[in-house]
C-alpha atoms as a PDB file:
ATOM      1  CA  MET A   1     -38.609 -36.272  -9.839  1.00  0.00           C
ATOM      2  CA  LYS A   2     -36.064 -35.902 -12.646  1.00  0.00           C
ATOM      3  CA  LYS A   3     -34.792 -32.722 -10.999  1.00  0.00           C
ATOM      4  CA  TYR A   4     -34.049 -34.553  -7.727  1.00  0.00           C
ATOM      5  CA  LEU A   5     -32.408 -37.450  -9.528  1.00  0.00           C
ATOM      6  CA  LEU A   6     -30.085 -35.044 -11.322  1.00  0.00           C
ATOM      7  CA  ILE A   7     -29.128 -33.327  -8.074  1.00  0.00           C
ATOM      8  CA  PHE A   8     -28.460 -36.690  -6.433  1.00  0.00           C
ATOM      9  CA  ALA A   9     -26.332 -37.838  -9.382  1.00  0.00           C
ATOM     10  CA  PHE A  10     -24.332 -34.593  -9.275  1.00  0.00           C
ATOM     11  CA  ALA A  11     -23.697 -35.027  -5.559  1.00  0.00           C
ATOM     12  CA  ILE A  12     -22.465 -38.593  -6.116  1.00  0.00           C
ATOM     13  CA  ALA A  13     -20.129 -37.378  -8.871  1.00  0.00           C
ATOM     14  CA  LEU A  14     -18.621 -34.742  -6.609  1.00  0.00           C
ATOM     15  CA  SER A  15     -18.007 -37.292  -3.874  1.00  0.00           C
ATOM     16  CA  SER A  16     -16.323 -39.853  -6.101  1.00  0.00           C
ATOM     17  CA  CYS A  17     -12.567 -40.300  -5.673  1.00  0.00           C
ATOM     18  CA  SER A  18     -11.805 -39.610  -9.317  1.00  0.00           C
ATOM     19  CA  ASP A  19     -13.677 -36.309  -9.400  1.00  0.00           C
ATOM     20  CA  THR A  20     -12.937 -34.797  -5.997  1.00  0.00           C
ATOM     21  CA  VAL A  21     -13.545 -31.039  -5.874  1.00  0.00           C
ATOM     22  CA  VAL A  22     -11.516 -29.183  -3.252  1.00  0.00           C
ATOM     23  CA  VAL A  23     -12.962 -25.882  -2.105  1.00  0.00           C
ATOM     24  CA  LYS A  24     -10.449 -23.733  -0.240  1.00  0.00           C
ATOM     25  CA  ASN A  25     -11.930 -21.702   2.568  1.00  0.00           C
ATOM     26  CA  VAL A  26     -10.979 -18.039   2.446  1.00  0.00           C
ATOM     27  CA  PRO A  27     -11.755 -16.372   5.780  1.00  0.00           C
ATOM     28  CA  ASP A  28     -13.710 -13.178   6.306  1.00  0.00           C
ATOM     29  CA  GLY A  29     -11.418 -10.310   5.329  1.00  0.00           C
ATOM     30  CA  SER A  30     -13.456  -7.504   6.856  1.00  0.00           C
ATOM     31  CA  SER A  31     -11.872  -5.161   9.368  1.00  0.00           C
ATOM     32  CA  THR A  32     -13.822  -6.575  12.308  1.00  0.00           C
ATOM     33  CA  ALA A  33     -13.445 -10.282  11.526  1.00  0.00           C
ATOM     34  CA  PRO A  34     -11.523 -12.273  14.149  1.00  0.00           C
ATOM     35  CA  PRO A  35      -8.097 -13.532  13.126  1.00  0.00           C
ATOM     36  CA  VAL A  36      -7.896 -16.956  11.521  1.00  0.00           C
ATOM     37  CA  THR A  37      -4.838 -19.125  12.115  1.00  0.00           C
ATOM     38  CA  GLY A  38      -2.298 -18.972   9.315  1.00  0.00           C
ATOM     39  CA  PHE A  39      -3.519 -15.747   7.719  1.00  0.00           C
ATOM     40  CA  TYR A  40      -1.874 -12.325   7.967  1.00  0.00           C
ATOM     41  CA  LYS A  41      -2.504  -8.839   9.279  1.00  0.00           C
ATOM     42  CA  LYS A  42      -3.849  -6.630   6.495  1.00  0.00           C
ATOM     43  CA  ARG A  43      -2.817  -3.000   6.222  1.00  0.00           C
ATOM     44  CA  VAL A  44      -4.201  -0.290   3.955  1.00  0.00           C
ATOM     45  CA  LEU A  45      -2.160   1.745   1.460  1.00  0.00           C
ATOM     46  CA  ILE A  46      -2.986   5.458   1.196  1.00  0.00           C
ATOM     47  CA  GLU A  47      -1.486   7.241  -1.792  1.00  0.00           C
ATOM     48  CA  ASP A  48      -1.618  11.006  -1.360  1.00  0.00           C
ATOM     49  CA  TYR A  49      -1.153  12.922  -4.621  1.00  0.00           C
ATOM     50  CA  THR A  50       0.074  16.283  -3.424  1.00  0.00           C
ATOM     51  CA  GLY A  51       2.275  19.324  -4.017  1.00  0.00           C
ATOM     52  CA  THR A  52       3.952  22.025  -1.967  1.00  0.00           C
ATOM     53  CA  TRP A  53       2.096  24.556  -4.158  1.00  0.00           C
ATOM     54  CA  CYS A  54      -1.319  22.947  -3.609  1.00  0.00           C
ATOM     55  CA  GLY A  55      -3.302  24.929  -1.044  1.00  0.00           C
ATOM     56  CA  ASN A  56      -5.911  22.244  -0.381  1.00  0.00           C
ATOM     57  CA  CYS A  57      -3.443  19.358  -0.152  1.00  0.00           C
ATOM     58  CA  PRO A  58      -2.765  19.737   3.607  1.00  0.00           C
ATOM     59  CA  ARG A  59      -6.303  18.451   4.129  1.00  0.00           C
ATOM     60  CA  VAL A  60      -5.271  14.941   3.021  1.00  0.00           C
ATOM     61  CA  ALA A  61      -2.004  15.077   4.963  1.00  0.00           C
ATOM     62  CA  TYR A  62      -3.998  15.960   8.071  1.00  0.00           C
ATOM     63  CA  ALA A  63      -6.389  13.065   7.465  1.00  0.00           C
ATOM     64  CA  ILE A  64      -3.460  10.664   7.132  1.00  0.00           C
ATOM     65  CA  GLU A  65      -1.938  11.985  10.338  1.00  0.00           C
ATOM     66  CA  GLN A  66      -5.208  11.465  12.200  1.00  0.00           C
ATOM     67  CA  ALA A  67      -5.690   7.998  10.715  1.00  0.00           C
ATOM     68  CA  MET A  68      -2.199   6.923  11.773  1.00  0.00           C
ATOM     69  CA  ASN A  69      -2.856   8.179  15.292  1.00  0.00           C
ATOM     70  CA  GLN A  70      -5.911   5.934  15.518  1.00  0.00           C
ATOM     71  CA  ASN A  71      -4.892   2.818  13.615  1.00  0.00           C
ATOM     72  CA  ASP A  72      -1.520   1.082  13.289  1.00  0.00           C
ATOM     73  CA  LYS A  73      -2.428  -0.484   9.938  1.00  0.00           C
ATOM     74  CA  ILE A  74      -2.119   2.729   7.880  1.00  0.00           C
ATOM     75  CA  VAL A  75       0.705   2.931   5.303  1.00  0.00           C
ATOM     76  CA  PRO A  76       0.929   6.322   3.519  1.00  0.00           C
ATOM     77  CA  VAL A  77       2.868   7.348   0.430  1.00  0.00           C
ATOM     78  CA  ALA A  78       2.988  11.032  -0.611  1.00  0.00           C
ATOM     79  CA  ILE A  79       3.400  11.432  -4.375  1.00  0.00           C
ATOM     80  CA  HIS A  80       4.390  14.996  -5.239  1.00  0.00           C
ATOM     81  CA  ASN A  81       3.631  16.504  -8.613  1.00  0.00           C
ATOM     82  CA  GLY A  82       4.176  19.796 -10.386  1.00  0.00           C
ATOM     83  CA  PHE A  83       6.518  22.689  -9.677  1.00  0.00           C
ATOM     84  CA  ASP A  84       7.728  21.113  -6.486  1.00  0.00           C
ATOM     85  CA  PRO A  85      11.179  20.176  -5.117  1.00  0.00           C
ATOM     86  CA  TYR A  86       9.881  16.647  -4.445  1.00  0.00           C
ATOM     87  CA  ASP A  87       8.173  16.131  -7.816  1.00  0.00           C
ATOM     88  CA  PHE A  88       8.000  12.469  -8.824  1.00  0.00           C
ATOM     89  CA  ALA A  89       8.931  12.475 -12.501  1.00  0.00           C
ATOM     90  CA  GLY A  90       7.551   8.991 -13.130  1.00  0.00           C
ATOM     91  CA  ILE A  91       3.972   9.823 -12.199  1.00  0.00           C
ATOM     92  CA  ALA A  92       2.482   9.289 -15.701  1.00  0.00           C
ATOM     93  CA  PRO A  93       1.373   5.623 -15.255  1.00  0.00           C
ATOM     94  CA  LEU A  94      -0.290   6.493 -11.944  1.00  0.00           C
ATOM     95  CA  LYS A  95      -1.995   9.486 -13.502  1.00  0.00           C
ATOM     96  CA  ASP A  96      -3.282   7.248 -16.302  1.00  0.00           C
ATOM     97  CA  LEU A  97      -4.634   4.857 -13.671  1.00  0.00           C
ATOM     98  CA  ILE A  98      -6.507   7.332 -11.469  1.00  0.00           C
ATOM     99  CA  SER A  99      -7.324  10.110 -13.946  1.00  0.00           C
ATOM    100  CA  PRO A 100      -7.036   8.659 -17.457  1.00  0.00           C
ATOM    101  CA  ASN A 101      -9.231  11.158 -19.277  1.00  0.00           C
ATOM    102  CA  ASP A 102      -8.497  14.380 -17.411  1.00  0.00           C
ATOM    103  CA  ALA A 103      -5.596  16.420 -16.118  1.00  0.00           C
ATOM    104  CA  LEU A 104      -4.381  15.370 -12.683  1.00  0.00           C
ATOM    105  CA  GLN A 105      -5.950  17.824 -10.258  1.00  0.00           C
ATOM    106  CA  LEU A 106      -4.635  17.927  -6.717  1.00  0.00           C
ATOM    107  CA  PRO A 107      -5.302  16.904  -4.082  1.00  0.00           C
ATOM    108  CA  GLN A 108      -6.113  13.334  -5.017  1.00  0.00           C
ATOM    109  CA  SER A 109      -6.088  10.436  -2.608  1.00  0.00           C
ATOM    110  CA  ARG A 110      -6.507   6.723  -3.209  1.00  0.00           C
ATOM    111  CA  LEU A 111      -7.018   3.827  -0.826  1.00  0.00           C
ATOM    112  CA  ASN A 112      -5.307   0.608  -1.892  1.00  0.00           C
ATOM    113  CA  ARG A 113      -4.350   2.399  -5.102  1.00  0.00           C
ATOM    114  CA  THR A 114      -7.725   2.310  -6.868  1.00  0.00           C
ATOM    115  CA  SER A 115     -10.451   3.411  -4.407  1.00  0.00           C
ATOM    116  CA  MET A 116     -11.136   7.127  -4.106  1.00  0.00           C
ATOM    117  CA  TRP A 117     -11.065   8.456  -0.539  1.00  0.00           C
ATOM    118  CA  THR A 118     -14.232  10.518  -0.067  1.00  0.00           C
ATOM    119  CA  PHE A 119     -13.904  14.294   0.353  1.00  0.00           C
ATOM    120  CA  PRO A 120     -13.378  15.708   2.936  1.00  0.00           C
ATOM    121  CA  GLU A 121     -11.013  12.944   3.955  1.00  0.00           C
ATOM    122  CA  PRO A 122     -10.655  13.866   7.667  1.00  0.00           C
ATOM    123  CA  ILE A 123     -14.354  13.073   8.115  1.00  0.00           C
ATOM    124  CA  TYR A 124     -14.108   9.713   6.360  1.00  0.00           C
ATOM    125  CA  LEU A 125     -11.259   8.007   8.200  1.00  0.00           C
ATOM    126  CA  ASN A 126     -13.405   4.892   8.517  1.00  0.00           C
ATOM    127  CA  GLU A 127     -13.129   4.336   4.770  1.00  0.00           C
ATOM    128  CA  ALA A 128      -9.443   3.628   5.338  1.00  0.00           C
ATOM    129  CA  PHE A 129     -10.002   1.644   8.517  1.00  0.00           C
ATOM    130  CA  ASP A 130     -12.582  -0.561   6.775  1.00  0.00           C
ATOM    131  CA  LEU A 131      -9.924  -1.764   4.328  1.00  0.00           C
ATOM    132  CA  THR A 132      -7.703  -3.144   7.086  1.00  0.00           C
ATOM    133  CA  GLY A 133      -8.153  -6.541   8.658  1.00  0.00           C
ATOM    134  CA  ASN A 134      -6.689  -9.666  10.221  1.00  0.00           C
ATOM    135  CA  ASN A 135      -7.066 -12.236   7.468  1.00  0.00           C
ATOM    136  CA  CYS A 136      -5.083 -11.401   4.364  1.00  0.00           C
ATOM    137  CA  GLY A 137      -3.871 -14.272   2.209  1.00  0.00           C
ATOM    138  CA  VAL A 138      -0.348 -12.902   1.875  1.00  0.00           C
ATOM    139  CA  GLY A 139       2.079 -11.486   4.408  1.00  0.00           C
ATOM    140  CA  LEU A 140       5.106  -9.256   3.897  1.00  0.00           C
ATOM    141  CA  ALA A 141       8.292  -8.903   5.929  1.00  0.00           C
ATOM    142  CA  LEU A 142      11.059  -6.443   5.045  1.00  0.00           C
ATOM    143  CA  ASN A 143      14.678  -6.760   6.153  1.00  0.00           C
ATOM    144  CA  SER A 144      17.304  -4.151   5.384  1.00  0.00           C
ATOM    145  CA  THR A 145      20.825  -3.017   6.061  1.00  0.00           C
ATOM    146  CA  VAL A 146      21.668   0.595   5.323  1.00  0.00           C
ATOM    147  CA  THR A 147      25.323   1.428   5.822  1.00  0.00           C
ATOM    148  CA  ASN A 148      28.123   3.371   4.157  1.00  0.00           C
ATOM    149  CA  GLY A 149      25.775   4.821   1.561  1.00  0.00           C
ATOM    150  CA  THR A 150      24.432   1.434   0.432  1.00  0.00           C
ATOM    151  CA  ILE A 151      20.939  -0.029   0.747  1.00  0.00           C
ATOM    152  CA  ASP A 152      20.502  -3.795   0.924  1.00  0.00           C
ATOM    153  CA  LEU A 153      16.787  -4.590   1.149  1.00  0.00           C
ATOM    154  CA  THR A 154      15.008  -7.938   1.033  1.00  0.00           C
ATOM    155  CA  VAL A 155      11.238  -8.153   0.658  1.00  0.00           C
ATOM    156  CA  ASN A 156       9.823 -11.501   1.766  1.00  0.00           C
ATOM    157  CA  LEU A 157       6.359 -12.687   0.789  1.00  0.00           C
ATOM    158  CA  LYS A 158       4.484 -15.690   2.156  1.00  0.00           C
ATOM    159  CA  PHE A 159       1.139 -16.984   0.937  1.00  0.00           C
ATOM    160  CA  ALA A 160      -1.816 -18.479   2.801  1.00  0.00           C
ATOM    161  CA  GLN A 161      -3.908 -18.703  -0.358  1.00  0.00           C
ATOM    162  CA  ASP A 162      -3.343 -18.953  -4.084  1.00  0.00           C
ATOM    163  CA  TYR A 163      -2.945 -15.879  -6.276  1.00  0.00           C
ATOM    164  CA  SER A 164      -2.249 -15.296  -9.942  1.00  0.00           C
ATOM    165  CA  ASN A 165      -1.281 -12.249 -12.018  1.00  0.00           C
ATOM    166  CA  ILE A 166      -0.023 -10.274  -9.040  1.00  0.00           C
ATOM    167  CA  LYS A 167       2.764  -7.694  -8.985  1.00  0.00           C
ATOM    168  CA  LEU A 168       5.159  -6.330  -6.377  1.00  0.00           C
ATOM    169  CA  VAL A 169       5.790  -2.610  -5.839  1.00  0.00           C
ATOM    170  CA  VAL A 170       8.738  -1.486  -3.687  1.00  0.00           C
ATOM    171  CA  LEU A 171       9.415   2.177  -2.848  1.00  0.00           C
ATOM    172  CA  VAL A 172      11.955   4.294  -1.002  1.00  0.00           C
ATOM    173  CA  LEU A 173      10.364   7.156   0.937  1.00  0.00           C
ATOM    174  CA  GLU A 174      11.784  10.077   2.868  1.00  0.00           C
ATOM    175  CA  SER A 175      10.288  11.996   5.796  1.00  0.00           C
ATOM    176  CA  GLY A 176      11.293  15.166   7.620  1.00  0.00           C
ATOM    177  CA  LEU A 177      11.583  17.260   4.463  1.00  0.00           C
ATOM    178  CA  ILE A 178      11.043  20.911   5.366  1.00  0.00           C
ATOM    179  CA  HIS A 179       9.609  23.261   2.769  1.00  0.00           C
ATOM    180  CA  THR A 180       6.949  25.983   2.742  1.00  0.00           C
ATOM    181  CA  GLN A 181       3.498  24.583   1.979  1.00  0.00           C
ATOM    182  CA  THR A 182       0.738  26.637   0.431  1.00  0.00           C
ATOM    183  CA  ASN A 183      -2.214  26.100   2.763  1.00  0.00           C
ATOM    184  CA  TYR A 184      -5.817  27.195   2.255  1.00  0.00           C
ATOM    185  CA  THR A 185      -7.098  25.018   5.105  1.00  0.00           C
ATOM    186  CA  ASN A 186      -7.422  25.549   8.851  1.00  0.00           C
ATOM    187  CA  TYR A 187      -6.530  21.984   9.821  1.00  0.00           C
ATOM    188  CA  PHE A 188      -3.133  22.910  11.216  1.00  0.00           C
ATOM    189  CA  GLY A 189      -4.280  25.898  13.231  1.00  0.00           C
ATOM    190  CA  PRO A 190      -3.763  29.680  13.213  1.00  0.00           C
ATOM    191  CA  GLY A 191      -0.666  31.068  11.577  1.00  0.00           C
ATOM    192  CA  THR A 192      -0.370  28.271   9.022  1.00  0.00           C
ATOM    193  CA  THR A 193      -2.262  29.970   6.203  1.00  0.00           C
ATOM    194  CA  PRO A 194      -1.853  30.886   3.372  1.00  0.00           C
ATOM    195  CA  ASN A 195       1.811  29.858   3.482  1.00  0.00           C
ATOM    196  CA  TYR A 196       2.822  27.347   6.106  1.00  0.00           C
ATOM    197  CA  ALA A 197       6.523  28.009   6.667  1.00  0.00           C
ATOM    198  CA  ASN A 198       8.712  25.111   7.808  1.00  0.00           C
ATOM    199  CA  TYR A 199       6.031  22.566   6.941  1.00  0.00           C
ATOM    200  CA  VAL A 200       7.326  19.015   7.437  1.00  0.00           C
ATOM    201  CA  HIS A 201       6.660  16.746   4.461  1.00  0.00           C
ATOM    202  CA  ASN A 202       6.581  13.068   5.425  1.00  0.00           C
ATOM    203  CA  HIS A 203       6.328   9.741   3.566  1.00  0.00           C
ATOM    204  CA  VAL A 204       7.511  11.389   0.339  1.00  0.00           C
ATOM    205  CA  LEU A 205       8.084   9.026  -2.582  1.00  0.00           C
ATOM    206  CA  ARG A 206      11.692   9.423  -3.676  1.00  0.00           C
ATOM    207  CA  VAL A 207      12.600   6.325  -5.700  1.00  0.00           C
ATOM    208  CA  PRO A 208      10.676   3.236  -6.851  1.00  0.00           C
ATOM    209  CA  LEU A 209      12.819   0.097  -6.777  1.00  0.00           C
ATOM    210  CA  THR A 210      10.381  -1.686  -9.092  1.00  0.00           C
ATOM    211  CA  ASN A 211       8.176  -0.462 -11.884  1.00  0.00           C
ATOM    212  CA  ILE A 212       5.808   2.012 -10.227  1.00  0.00           C
ATOM    213  CA  MET A 213       2.923  -0.203 -11.377  1.00  0.00           C
ATOM    214  CA  GLY A 214       4.690  -3.301 -10.062  1.00  0.00           C
ATOM    215  CA  ASP A 215       6.958  -6.110 -11.225  1.00  0.00           C
ATOM    216  CA  ALA A 216       5.145  -9.317 -12.080  1.00  0.00           C
ATOM    217  CA  LEU A 217       5.777 -12.387  -9.955  1.00  0.00           C
ATOM    218  CA  ALA A 218       6.475 -15.245 -12.316  1.00  0.00           C
ATOM    219  CA  GLY A 219       3.658 -17.768 -12.593  1.00  0.00           C
ATOM    220  CA  SER A 220       1.054 -18.392  -9.918  1.00  0.00           C
ATOM    221  CA  THR A 221       1.690 -18.360  -6.197  1.00  0.00           C
ATOM    222  CA  THR A 222       0.454 -21.202  -4.024  1.00  0.00           C
ATOM    223  CA  VAL A 223      -0.434 -21.801  -0.389  1.00  0.00           C
ATOM    224  CA  GLY A 224       2.673 -22.047   1.770  1.00  0.00           C
ATOM    225  CA  GLN A 225       4.992 -20.573  -0.851  1.00  0.00           C
ATOM    226  CA  THR A 226       7.635 -18.032   0.189  1.00  0.00           C
ATOM    227  CA  ILE A 227       9.233 -15.586  -2.256  1.00  0.00           C
ATOM    228  CA  SER A 228      12.127 -13.233  -1.553  1.00  0.00           C
ATOM    229  CA  LYS A 229      13.171 -10.274  -3.679  1.00  0.00           C
ATOM    230  CA  ASN A 230      16.472  -8.501  -3.020  1.00  0.00           C
ATOM    231  CA  PHE A 231      17.391  -4.918  -3.885  1.00  0.00           C
ATOM    232  CA  ASN A 232      20.937  -3.623  -3.546  1.00  0.00           C
ATOM    233  CA  LEU A 233      21.706  -0.037  -4.498  1.00  0.00           C
ATOM    234  CA  ALA A 234      23.615   3.087  -3.622  1.00  0.00           C
ATOM    235  CA  MET A 235      21.732   5.676  -1.592  1.00  0.00           C
ATOM    236  CA  PRO A 236      19.654   7.622  -4.156  1.00  0.00           C
ATOM    237  CA  SER A 237      21.107  11.021  -4.955  1.00  0.00           C
ATOM    238  CA  ASN A 238      17.839  12.865  -4.246  1.00  0.00           C
ATOM    239  CA  ILE A 239      17.750  11.727  -0.607  1.00  0.00           C
ATOM    240  CA  ALA A 240      18.345  14.747   1.631  1.00  0.00           C
ATOM    241  CA  ASN A 241      18.946  12.815   4.849  1.00  0.00           C
ATOM    242  CA  ALA A 242      19.644   9.083   4.782  1.00  0.00           C
ATOM    243  CA  ASN A 243      18.517   8.820   8.406  1.00  0.00           C
ATOM    244  CA  ASN A 244      14.971   9.712   7.352  1.00  0.00           C
ATOM    245  CA  ILE A 245      14.352   7.100   4.668  1.00  0.00           C
ATOM    246  CA  SER A 246      11.895   4.235   4.925  1.00  0.00           C
ATOM    247  CA  PHE A 247      10.638   1.462   2.673  1.00  0.00           C
ATOM    248  CA  VAL A 248       7.182   0.438   1.509  1.00  0.00           C
ATOM    249  CA  ALA A 249       6.332  -2.795  -0.283  1.00  0.00           C
ATOM    250  CA  PHE A 250       2.926  -3.912  -1.501  1.00  0.00           C
ATOM    251  CA  LEU A 251       1.297  -6.419  -3.811  1.00  0.00           C
ATOM    252  CA  VAL A 252      -1.328  -5.478  -6.385  1.00  0.00           C
ATOM    253  CA  ASP A 253      -3.772  -7.702  -8.229  1.00  0.00           C
ATOM    254  CA  GLU A 254      -4.487  -7.778 -11.955  1.00  0.00           C
ATOM    255  CA  ASN A 255      -6.747  -4.729 -11.519  1.00  0.00           C
ATOM    256  CA  ASN A 256      -3.960  -2.761  -9.763  1.00  0.00           C
ATOM    257  CA  ALA A 257      -5.705  -2.859  -6.373  1.00  0.00           C
ATOM    258  CA  ALA A 258      -3.375  -3.334  -3.420  1.00  0.00           C
ATOM    259  CA  ILE A 259      -3.762  -6.701  -1.687  1.00  0.00           C
ATOM    260  CA  ASN A 260      -1.510  -6.018   1.286  1.00  0.00           C
ATOM    261  CA  VAL A 261       1.192  -3.505   2.192  1.00  0.00           C
ATOM    262  CA  ARG A 262       3.904  -3.020   4.758  1.00  0.00           C
ATOM    263  CA  ALA A 263       6.321  -0.239   5.703  1.00  0.00           C
ATOM    264  CA  ALA A 264       9.739  -0.605   7.332  1.00  0.00           C
ATOM    265  CA  GLU A 265      12.457   1.552   8.791  1.00  0.00           C
ATOM    266  CA  PRO A 266      16.102   1.111   7.704  1.00  0.00           C
ATOM    267  CA  ASN A 267      18.028  -1.643   9.488  1.00  0.00           C
ATOM    268  CA  GLU A 268      14.769  -3.244  10.583  1.00  0.00           C
ATOM    269  CA  ASN A 269      14.337  -7.019  10.451  1.00  0.00           C
ATOM    270  CA  GLN A 270      10.675  -7.907  10.293  1.00  0.00           C
ATOM    271  CA  VAL A 271       8.866 -11.211  10.745  1.00  0.00           C
ATOM    272  CA  PHE A 272       5.627 -12.203   9.056  1.00  0.00           C
ATOM    273  CA  GLU A 273       2.557 -10.922  10.898  1.00  0.00           C
ATOM    274  CA  VAL A 274       0.869 -14.329  10.830  1.00  0.00           C
ATOM    275  CA  ASN A 275      -2.029 -15.291  13.057  1.00  0.00           C
ATOM    276  CA  PRO A 276      -1.170 -18.047  15.563  1.00  0.00           C
END
């Protein structure tokens, strides 16, 4: 009897005006859940640690290509390392994140920055697809003007739920980079092994516009809040062809896992992908 009296008293306390408890409903974020009004399309970030010298690395590039052909919510970033014309010199914090106790062996691939993509990746495309969805609590929209050698980029964020301790990562990528790729795989057909001449390297990380691990957003974010971050800079000197650049922006949580991500072409003006 005492047990039931305690439960009843607790229920009365919760219902009293002075002690109202508000529980915010967070919708199902799984890939198959129907869209809920006010929430945002969720994309998946794929970080491909690669190198032109790495004979097994085309396997991951092929998997990304196949994933993008099947799902429009895939956002890839190719991070080159080693004796490579596209080497990203600032890779150390990422290496410490994904391989803290060992040398960075390529290929490596991560979904939403922290989840390992199972080998062989072309067979496990669903691991990437399962991380997409319709009901993310934050949306991104990128707007840019690229003219006369200058980049003016604004990253807009809007929140459908509260977050704390999150960080923003913004990157400049370049595609259409042609360089011979060592290739031990058969994914790209006859005549492409062991050296794939005129291989086209896409989604290559060229310059981070924030800390590669993200810039903290001051304080906590709240439902309905909109934040804009502007980046104005000269075209980076390592860009081979300004017509082939693109931008990627994503938010990470306190454990460095990506919450949501979006890519944009230059001179594109995006709107939030919010559910009606």
